Amino acid sequence: MKKIFIPFCIAFLLFSCTPNSTPKETFSNQDSGANNLTLVRKVKEYKGVYLPGQFKNAENSELYAFSEMDRKLLDSAYNRILANPYPNQTVFMNFKGIVDSFPTNSGFKVSAITLLSMEMKSAFNPCIPYDYWCIGTEPFWQVQISEKENLIDFYDPMIPKFYHFIFTKAEKNTGTTIFSAEDKANTNKIKITITNEKCSDGMSERNYQYKSEVVLNGKTYNGCAMAFGDGLQ
């Protein structure tokens, strides 16, 4: 998976989705009278998804906007991660900054940015709840199924390419959950069958709660799957 670290920051990826408050910068504003007033502004950590020019906080769905300089750097990183994104495709982003108390038309303004991580979304950096992630090995592939993001995305890193579909409700039978979707504009079809059966990915020796079978345009892929909140063993 391709990770981007922008020159203005160095940090480590954190996988929890709950922002942590960390005092980082203090600005003092003192008057000329006997009483001194001190304004303390705290740098906080945020995690969510980024679309060029805008960030969506995973904790509360608030939208954040950046300065022109920061936006150019963030957009450049985004374009290196996704060379050919589909419209409105997002990536995972983790940063520290100061967010204004009142929003503008484009969202809350952010300053004092330190980018901790920006990378493709995966089952291991989930902040917005999803329905399932399906994962294959040899070759590696993945499918994100998310009603909250209104998508079913199949990613093939061998091309590399995303096959994007609008989310559709599943058909549920005893022990199986089946998602079927079609992208008529690009003549793509996908069918995902998730079976309630233990599965190992064969490489990391992680154990998953489900097996998955994906049929994309007539080609079958087999792998494992996990639902949001599943603990890996």
C-alpha atoms as a PDB file:
ATOM      1  CA  MET A   1       0.000   0.000   0.000  1.00  0.00           C
ATOM      2  CA  LYS A   2       1.372   3.372  -0.945  1.00  0.00           C
ATOM      3  CA  LYS A   3       1.993   5.914   1.815  1.00  0.00           C
ATOM      4  CA  ILE A   4       2.811   9.588   1.393  1.00  0.00           C
ATOM      5  CA  PHE A   5       4.662  11.728   3.933  1.00  0.00           C
ATOM      6  CA  ILE A   6       4.695  15.438   3.089  1.00  0.00           C
ATOM      7  CA  PRO A   7       8.002  17.278   3.787  1.00  0.00           C
ATOM      8  CA  PHE A   8       6.406  19.564   6.403  1.00  0.00           C
ATOM      9  CA  CYS A   9       5.679  16.659   8.805  1.00  0.00           C
ATOM     10  CA  ILE A  10       7.154  13.449  10.211  1.00  0.00           C
ATOM     11  CA  ALA A  11       5.056  11.140  12.333  1.00  0.00           C
ATOM     12  CA  PHE A  12       3.615   7.712  12.763  1.00  0.00           C
ATOM     13  CA  LEU A  13       0.212   6.383  11.695  1.00  0.00           C
ATOM     14  CA  LEU A  14      -2.171   5.820  14.600  1.00  0.00           C
ATOM     15  CA  PHE A  15      -5.051   3.425  13.991  1.00  0.00           C
ATOM     16  CA  SER A  16      -7.569   4.515  16.618  1.00  0.00           C
ATOM     17  CA  CYS A  17     -10.334   6.741  15.308  1.00  0.00           C
ATOM     18  CA  THR A  18     -10.880   8.809  18.437  1.00  0.00           C
ATOM     19  CA  PRO A  19      -9.117  12.198  18.276  1.00  0.00           C
ATOM     20  CA  ASN A  20      -6.748  12.884  21.150  1.00  0.00           C
ATOM     21  CA  SER A  21      -6.237  16.394  22.466  1.00  0.00           C
ATOM     22  CA  THR A  22      -2.541  17.273  22.757  1.00  0.00           C
ATOM     23  CA  PRO A  23      -1.477  20.763  23.864  1.00  0.00           C
ATOM     24  CA  LYS A  24       1.039  21.795  21.244  1.00  0.00           C
ATOM     25  CA  GLU A  25       0.966  25.548  20.672  1.00  0.00           C
ATOM     26  CA  THR A  26       0.101  28.405  23.001  1.00  0.00           C
ATOM     27  CA  PHE A  27      -0.619  31.977  21.979  1.00  0.00           C
ATOM     28  CA  SER A  28      -0.626  34.626  24.737  1.00  0.00           C
ATOM     29  CA  ASN A  29      -2.616  37.836  24.395  1.00  0.00           C
ATOM     30  CA  GLN A  30      -2.002  40.259  27.254  1.00  0.00           C
ATOM     31  CA  ASP A  31      -3.637  43.656  27.728  1.00  0.00           C
ATOM     32  CA  SER A  32      -1.926  46.760  29.114  1.00  0.00           C
ATOM     33  CA  GLY A  33      -3.991  46.819  32.330  1.00  0.00           C
ATOM     34  CA  ALA A  34      -3.500  45.139  35.640  1.00  0.00           C
ATOM     35  CA  ASN A  35      -5.394  42.062  34.535  1.00  0.00           C
ATOM     36  CA  ASN A  36      -3.696  39.858  32.001  1.00  0.00           C
ATOM     37  CA  LEU A  37      -5.762  37.722  29.628  1.00  0.00           C
ATOM     38  CA  THR A  38      -4.164  34.607  28.220  1.00  0.00           C
ATOM     39  CA  LEU A  39      -5.682  32.777  25.250  1.00  0.00           C
ATOM     40  CA  VAL A  40      -4.558  29.176  24.944  1.00  0.00           C
ATOM     41  CA  ARG A  41      -5.248  27.404  21.639  1.00  0.00           C
ATOM     42  CA  LYS A  42      -4.634  23.681  21.574  1.00  0.00           C
ATOM     43  CA  VAL A  43      -3.464  21.595  18.685  1.00  0.00           C
ATOM     44  CA  LYS A  44      -5.685  18.520  18.403  1.00  0.00           C
ATOM     45  CA  GLU A  45      -5.446  15.325  16.397  1.00  0.00           C
ATOM     46  CA  TYR A  46      -8.061  14.499  13.767  1.00  0.00           C
ATOM     47  CA  LYS A  47      -8.753  11.431  11.644  1.00  0.00           C
ATOM     48  CA  GLY A  48     -11.117  11.017   8.744  1.00  0.00           C
ATOM     49  CA  VAL A  49     -11.249  11.157   4.963  1.00  0.00           C
ATOM     50  CA  TYR A  50      -9.779  13.748   2.595  1.00  0.00           C
ATOM     51  CA  LEU A  51     -11.040  14.946  -0.760  1.00  0.00           C
ATOM     52  CA  PRO A  52      -8.991  17.675  -2.498  1.00  0.00           C
ATOM     53  CA  GLY A  53      -9.670  20.889  -0.617  1.00  0.00           C
ATOM     54  CA  GLN A  54     -11.731  19.398   2.191  1.00  0.00           C
ATOM     55  CA  PHE A  55     -11.510  17.002   5.123  1.00  0.00           C
ATOM     56  CA  LYS A  56     -14.398  15.139   6.821  1.00  0.00           C
ATOM     57  CA  ASN A  57     -13.902  14.405  10.498  1.00  0.00           C
ATOM     58  CA  ALA A  58     -14.761  10.771  11.196  1.00  0.00           C
ATOM     59  CA  GLU A  59     -15.847  11.529  14.752  1.00  0.00           C
ATOM     60  CA  ASN A  60     -18.633  14.011  13.983  1.00  0.00           C
ATOM     61  CA  SER A  61     -18.761  14.416  10.159  1.00  0.00           C
ATOM     62  CA  GLU A  62     -17.737  18.088  10.382  1.00  0.00           C
ATOM     63  CA  LEU A  63     -16.054  19.521   7.274  1.00  0.00           C
ATOM     64  CA  TYR A  64     -12.705  21.315   7.533  1.00  0.00           C
ATOM     65  CA  ALA A  65     -11.109  23.680   4.998  1.00  0.00           C
ATOM     66  CA  PHE A  66      -7.421  24.527   4.656  1.00  0.00           C
ATOM     67  CA  SER A  67      -5.329  27.519   3.636  1.00  0.00           C
ATOM     68  CA  GLU A  68      -4.323  27.751  -0.019  1.00  0.00           C
ATOM     69  CA  MET A  69      -0.730  26.754   0.756  1.00  0.00           C
ATOM     70  CA  ASP A  70      -1.720  23.748   2.879  1.00  0.00           C
ATOM     71  CA  ARG A  71      -4.323  22.703   0.342  1.00  0.00           C
ATOM     72  CA  LYS A  72      -1.759  22.632  -2.469  1.00  0.00           C
ATOM     73  CA  LEU A  73       0.531  20.359  -0.447  1.00  0.00           C
ATOM     74  CA  LEU A  74      -2.318  18.076   0.611  1.00  0.00           C
ATOM     75  CA  ASP A  75      -3.743  17.889  -2.904  1.00  0.00           C
ATOM     76  CA  SER A  76      -0.301  17.039  -4.258  1.00  0.00           C
ATOM     77  CA  ALA A  77      -0.047  14.145  -1.815  1.00  0.00           C
ATOM     78  CA  TYR A  78      -3.563  13.009  -2.689  1.00  0.00           C
ATOM     79  CA  ASN A  79      -2.712  12.948  -6.405  1.00  0.00           C
ATOM     80  CA  ARG A  80       0.393  10.844  -5.763  1.00  0.00           C
ATOM     81  CA  ILE A  81      -1.650   8.304  -3.810  1.00  0.00           C
ATOM     82  CA  LEU A  82      -4.482   8.152  -6.359  1.00  0.00           C
ATOM     83  CA  ALA A  83      -3.070   8.687  -9.841  1.00  0.00           C
ATOM     84  CA  ASN A  84      -6.474   8.301 -11.490  1.00  0.00           C
ATOM     85  CA  PRO A  85      -9.206   8.841  -8.858  1.00  0.00           C
ATOM     86  CA  TYR A  86     -12.872   8.526  -9.659  1.00  0.00           C
ATOM     87  CA  PRO A  87     -15.019  11.618  -8.888  1.00  0.00           C
ATOM     88  CA  ASN A  88     -15.110  12.459  -5.167  1.00  0.00           C
ATOM     89  CA  GLN A  89     -12.879   9.547  -4.152  1.00  0.00           C
ATOM     90  CA  THR A  90     -11.451   9.963  -0.660  1.00  0.00           C
ATOM     91  CA  VAL A  91      -8.316   8.807   1.154  1.00  0.00           C
ATOM     92  CA  PHE A  92      -7.565   8.291   4.847  1.00  0.00           C
ATOM     93  CA  MET A  93      -5.962  11.300   6.547  1.00  0.00           C
ATOM     94  CA  ASN A  94      -4.595  11.854  10.061  1.00  0.00           C
ATOM     95  CA  PHE A  95      -3.334  15.299  11.081  1.00  0.00           C
ATOM     96  CA  LYS A  96      -2.820  17.728  13.949  1.00  0.00           C
ATOM     97  CA  GLY A  97      -3.947  21.321  13.749  1.00  0.00           C
ATOM     98  CA  ILE A  98      -5.936  24.185  15.221  1.00  0.00           C
ATOM     99  CA  VAL A  99      -9.566  24.375  14.115  1.00  0.00           C
ATOM    100  CA  ASP A 100     -11.516  27.649  14.308  1.00  0.00           C
ATOM    101  CA  SER A 101     -14.537  27.702  16.590  1.00  0.00           C
ATOM    102  CA  PHE A 102     -16.977  28.910  13.930  1.00  0.00           C
ATOM    103  CA  PRO A 103     -17.471  27.410  10.457  1.00  0.00           C
ATOM    104  CA  THR A 104     -17.464  29.191   7.109  1.00  0.00           C
ATOM    105  CA  ASN A 105     -19.399  28.149   4.007  1.00  0.00           C
ATOM    106  CA  SER A 106     -16.618  25.687   3.155  1.00  0.00           C
ATOM    107  CA  GLY A 107     -16.235  24.306   6.676  1.00  0.00           C
ATOM    108  CA  PHE A 108     -14.177  24.983   9.785  1.00  0.00           C
ATOM    109  CA  LYS A 109     -10.855  26.638   8.955  1.00  0.00           C
ATOM    110  CA  VAL A 110      -7.711  24.797  10.020  1.00  0.00           C
ATOM    111  CA  SER A 111      -4.279  26.254  10.785  1.00  0.00           C
ATOM    112  CA  ALA A 112      -0.934  25.050  12.171  1.00  0.00           C
ATOM    113  CA  ILE A 113      -1.148  21.829  10.149  1.00  0.00           C
ATOM    114  CA  THR A 114       1.053  18.825  10.851  1.00  0.00           C
ATOM    115  CA  LEU A 115       0.178  15.927   8.570  1.00  0.00           C
ATOM    116  CA  LEU A 116       0.705  12.607  10.320  1.00  0.00           C
ATOM    117  CA  SER A 117      -0.469  10.303   7.550  1.00  0.00           C
ATOM    118  CA  MET A 118      -2.322  10.220   4.265  1.00  0.00           C
ATOM    119  CA  GLU A 119      -2.892   6.929   2.482  1.00  0.00           C
ATOM    120  CA  MET A 120      -5.425   4.811   0.678  1.00  0.00           C
ATOM    121  CA  LYS A 121      -8.290   3.603   2.835  1.00  0.00           C
ATOM    122  CA  SER A 122      -7.998   0.042   4.060  1.00  0.00           C
ATOM    123  CA  ALA A 123      -9.428  -2.347   6.623  1.00  0.00           C
ATOM    124  CA  PHE A 124      -6.625  -1.306   8.976  1.00  0.00           C
ATOM    125  CA  ASN A 125      -7.216   2.457   9.049  1.00  0.00           C
ATOM    126  CA  PRO A 126     -11.036   2.528   9.262  1.00  0.00           C
ATOM    127  CA  CYS A 127     -12.535   5.653  10.772  1.00  0.00           C
ATOM    128  CA  ILE A 128     -15.924   5.876   9.079  1.00  0.00           C
ATOM    129  CA  PRO A 129     -17.939   2.740   9.883  1.00  0.00           C
ATOM    130  CA  TYR A 130     -18.250   0.311   6.971  1.00  0.00           C
ATOM    131  CA  ASP A 131     -20.308  -2.821   6.358  1.00  0.00           C
ATOM    132  CA  TYR A 132     -17.471  -5.133   5.227  1.00  0.00           C
ATOM    133  CA  TRP A 133     -13.928  -5.145   3.955  1.00  0.00           C
ATOM    134  CA  CYS A 134     -12.992  -8.124   1.773  1.00  0.00           C
ATOM    135  CA  ILE A 135      -9.324  -8.977   1.404  1.00  0.00           C
ATOM    136  CA  GLY A 136      -7.482 -11.315  -0.926  1.00  0.00           C
ATOM    137  CA  THR A 137      -3.889 -12.558  -1.069  1.00  0.00           C
ATOM    138  CA  GLU A 138      -1.647 -13.653  -3.922  1.00  0.00           C
ATOM    139  CA  PRO A 139      -2.672 -11.510  -5.646  1.00  0.00           C
ATOM    140  CA  PHE A 140      -3.702  -8.914  -3.122  1.00  0.00           C
ATOM    141  CA  TRP A 141      -7.027  -7.182  -3.727  1.00  0.00           C
ATOM    142  CA  GLN A 142      -9.607  -5.500  -1.528  1.00  0.00           C
ATOM    143  CA  VAL A 143     -13.252  -4.475  -1.518  1.00  0.00           C
ATOM    144  CA  GLN A 144     -14.747  -1.784   0.676  1.00  0.00           C
ATOM    145  CA  ILE A 145     -18.497  -2.066   1.218  1.00  0.00           C
ATOM    146  CA  SER A 146     -19.894   1.000   2.958  1.00  0.00           C
ATOM    147  CA  GLU A 147     -23.444   2.257   3.175  1.00  0.00           C
ATOM    148  CA  LYS A 148     -22.273   5.380   5.059  1.00  0.00           C
ATOM    149  CA  GLU A 149     -19.963   6.312   2.174  1.00  0.00           C
ATOM    150  CA  ASN A 150     -22.477   5.030  -0.410  1.00  0.00           C
ATOM    151  CA  LEU A 151     -19.980   2.844  -2.220  1.00  0.00           C
ATOM    152  CA  ILE A 152     -18.726  -0.600  -3.099  1.00  0.00           C
ATOM    153  CA  ASP A 153     -15.115  -0.242  -4.236  1.00  0.00           C
ATOM    154  CA  PHE A 154     -12.993  -3.055  -5.645  1.00  0.00           C
ATOM    155  CA  TYR A 155      -9.262  -2.303  -5.873  1.00  0.00           C
ATOM    156  CA  ASP A 156      -6.855  -4.314  -7.993  1.00  0.00           C
ATOM    157  CA  PRO A 157      -3.249  -3.203  -7.284  1.00  0.00           C
ATOM    158  CA  MET A 158      -1.889  -5.201 -10.219  1.00  0.00           C
ATOM    159  CA  ILE A 159      -3.351  -2.715 -12.723  1.00  0.00           C
ATOM    160  CA  PRO A 160      -3.721  -0.586 -10.483  1.00  0.00           C
ATOM    161  CA  LYS A 161      -7.378   0.330 -10.731  1.00  0.00           C
ATOM    162  CA  PHE A 162     -10.505   0.999  -8.700  1.00  0.00           C
ATOM    163  CA  TYR A 163     -13.872  -0.350  -9.802  1.00  0.00           C
ATOM    164  CA  HIS A 164     -16.419   1.947  -8.198  1.00  0.00           C
ATOM    165  CA  PHE A 165     -20.068   1.071  -7.607  1.00  0.00           C
ATOM    166  CA  ILE A 166     -22.911   2.781  -5.773  1.00  0.00           C
ATOM    167  CA  PHE A 167     -23.868   0.939  -2.586  1.00  0.00           C
ATOM    168  CA  THR A 168     -26.778  -1.489  -2.832  1.00  0.00           C
ATOM    169  CA  LYS A 169     -28.560  -3.331  -0.039  1.00  0.00           C
ATOM    170  CA  ALA A 170     -27.525  -6.918   0.586  1.00  0.00           C
ATOM    171  CA  GLU A 171     -29.535 -10.067   0.085  1.00  0.00           C
ATOM    172  CA  LYS A 172     -29.247 -12.116   3.263  1.00  0.00           C
ATOM    173  CA  ASN A 173     -29.670 -15.872   3.460  1.00  0.00           C
ATOM    174  CA  THR A 174     -28.784 -18.381   6.142  1.00  0.00           C
ATOM    175  CA  GLY A 175     -25.054 -17.920   6.733  1.00  0.00           C
ATOM    176  CA  THR A 176     -24.459 -15.699   3.680  1.00  0.00           C
ATOM    177  CA  THR A 177     -24.721 -12.039   2.743  1.00  0.00           C
ATOM    178  CA  ILE A 178     -24.713 -11.126  -0.959  1.00  0.00           C
ATOM    179  CA  PHE A 179     -24.102  -7.697  -2.487  1.00  0.00           C
ATOM    180  CA  SER A 180     -24.703  -7.156  -6.204  1.00  0.00           C
ATOM    181  CA  ALA A 181     -24.028  -3.883  -8.031  1.00  0.00           C
ATOM    182  CA  GLU A 182     -23.648  -2.611 -11.582  1.00  0.00           C
ATOM    183  CA  ASP A 183     -21.867   0.358 -13.122  1.00  0.00           C
ATOM    184  CA  LYS A 184     -23.704   0.695 -16.417  1.00  0.00           C
ATOM    185  CA  ALA A 185     -21.643   3.656 -17.608  1.00  0.00           C
ATOM    186  CA  ASN A 186     -18.458   1.547 -17.549  1.00  0.00           C
ATOM    187  CA  THR A 187     -20.163  -1.835 -18.139  1.00  0.00           C
ATOM    188  CA  ASN A 188     -18.893  -3.273 -14.861  1.00  0.00           C
ATOM    189  CA  LYS A 189     -20.713  -5.780 -12.651  1.00  0.00           C
ATOM    190  CA  ILE A 190     -19.812  -7.128  -9.250  1.00  0.00           C
ATOM    191  CA  LYS A 191     -21.237  -9.785  -6.938  1.00  0.00           C
ATOM    192  CA  ILE A 192     -19.846 -10.288  -3.453  1.00  0.00           C
ATOM    193  CA  THR A 193     -20.769 -13.312  -1.342  1.00  0.00           C
ATOM    194  CA  ILE A 194     -19.755 -13.192   2.301  1.00  0.00           C
ATOM    195  CA  THR A 195     -20.035 -16.443   4.235  1.00  0.00           C
ATOM    196  CA  ASN A 196     -20.091 -16.729   8.006  1.00  0.00           C
ATOM    197  CA  GLU A 197     -17.058 -18.994   8.177  1.00  0.00           C
ATOM    198  CA  LYS A 198     -13.613 -18.479   9.724  1.00  0.00           C
ATOM    199  CA  CYS A 199     -10.865 -17.527   7.291  1.00  0.00           C
ATOM    200  CA  SER A 200      -7.097 -16.935   7.294  1.00  0.00           C
ATOM    201  CA  ASP A 201      -5.448 -14.647   4.771  1.00  0.00           C
ATOM    202  CA  GLY A 202      -2.492 -17.020   4.342  1.00  0.00           C
ATOM    203  CA  MET A 203       0.190 -14.345   4.593  1.00  0.00           C
ATOM    204  CA  SER A 204      -0.087 -12.469   7.881  1.00  0.00           C
ATOM    205  CA  GLU A 205      -1.790 -15.429   9.593  1.00  0.00           C
ATOM    206  CA  ARG A 206      -4.605 -13.153  10.679  1.00  0.00           C
ATOM    207  CA  ASN A 207      -7.901 -14.903  11.308  1.00  0.00           C
ATOM    208  CA  TYR A 208     -11.097 -13.313  10.021  1.00  0.00           C
ATOM    209  CA  GLN A 209     -14.750 -13.914  10.860  1.00  0.00           C
ATOM    210  CA  TYR A 210     -15.857 -14.453   7.256  1.00  0.00           C
ATOM    211  CA  LYS A 211     -14.908 -15.888   3.887  1.00  0.00           C
ATOM    212  CA  SER A 212     -15.585 -13.892   0.744  1.00  0.00           C
ATOM    213  CA  GLU A 213     -16.035 -14.596  -2.942  1.00  0.00           C
ATOM    214  CA  VAL A 214     -16.037 -11.732  -5.421  1.00  0.00           C
ATOM    215  CA  VAL A 215     -17.108 -12.087  -9.037  1.00  0.00           C
ATOM    216  CA  LEU A 216     -16.070  -9.004 -11.011  1.00  0.00           C
ATOM    217  CA  ASN A 217     -16.963  -8.953 -14.703  1.00  0.00           C
ATOM    218  CA  GLY A 218     -16.968 -12.747 -14.746  1.00  0.00           C
ATOM    219  CA  LYS A 219     -13.639 -13.194 -12.916  1.00  0.00           C
ATOM    220  CA  THR A 220     -13.713 -14.843  -9.476  1.00  0.00           C
ATOM    221  CA  TYR A 221     -11.609 -13.764  -6.492  1.00  0.00           C
ATOM    222  CA  ASN A 222     -11.530 -15.628  -3.179  1.00  0.00           C
ATOM    223  CA  GLY A 223     -10.471 -14.223   0.161  1.00  0.00           C
ATOM    224  CA  CYS A 224     -11.508 -13.256   3.667  1.00  0.00           C
ATOM    225  CA  ALA A 225     -13.777 -10.539   5.048  1.00  0.00           C
ATOM    226  CA  MET A 226     -14.367  -8.568   8.205  1.00  0.00           C
ATOM    227  CA  ALA A 227     -17.260  -6.448   9.451  1.00  0.00           C
ATOM    228  CA  PHE A 228     -16.726  -3.114  11.172  1.00  0.00           C
ATOM    229  CA  GLY A 229     -15.759  -3.702  14.776  1.00  0.00           C
ATOM    230  CA  ASP A 230     -14.520  -7.247  14.266  1.00  0.00           C
ATOM    231  CA  GLY A 231     -11.444  -8.099  16.252  1.00  0.00           C
ATOM    232  CA  LEU A 232      -8.714  -9.928  14.341  1.00  0.00           C
ATOM    233  CA  GLN A 233      -7.157 -12.965  15.960  1.00  0.00           C
END
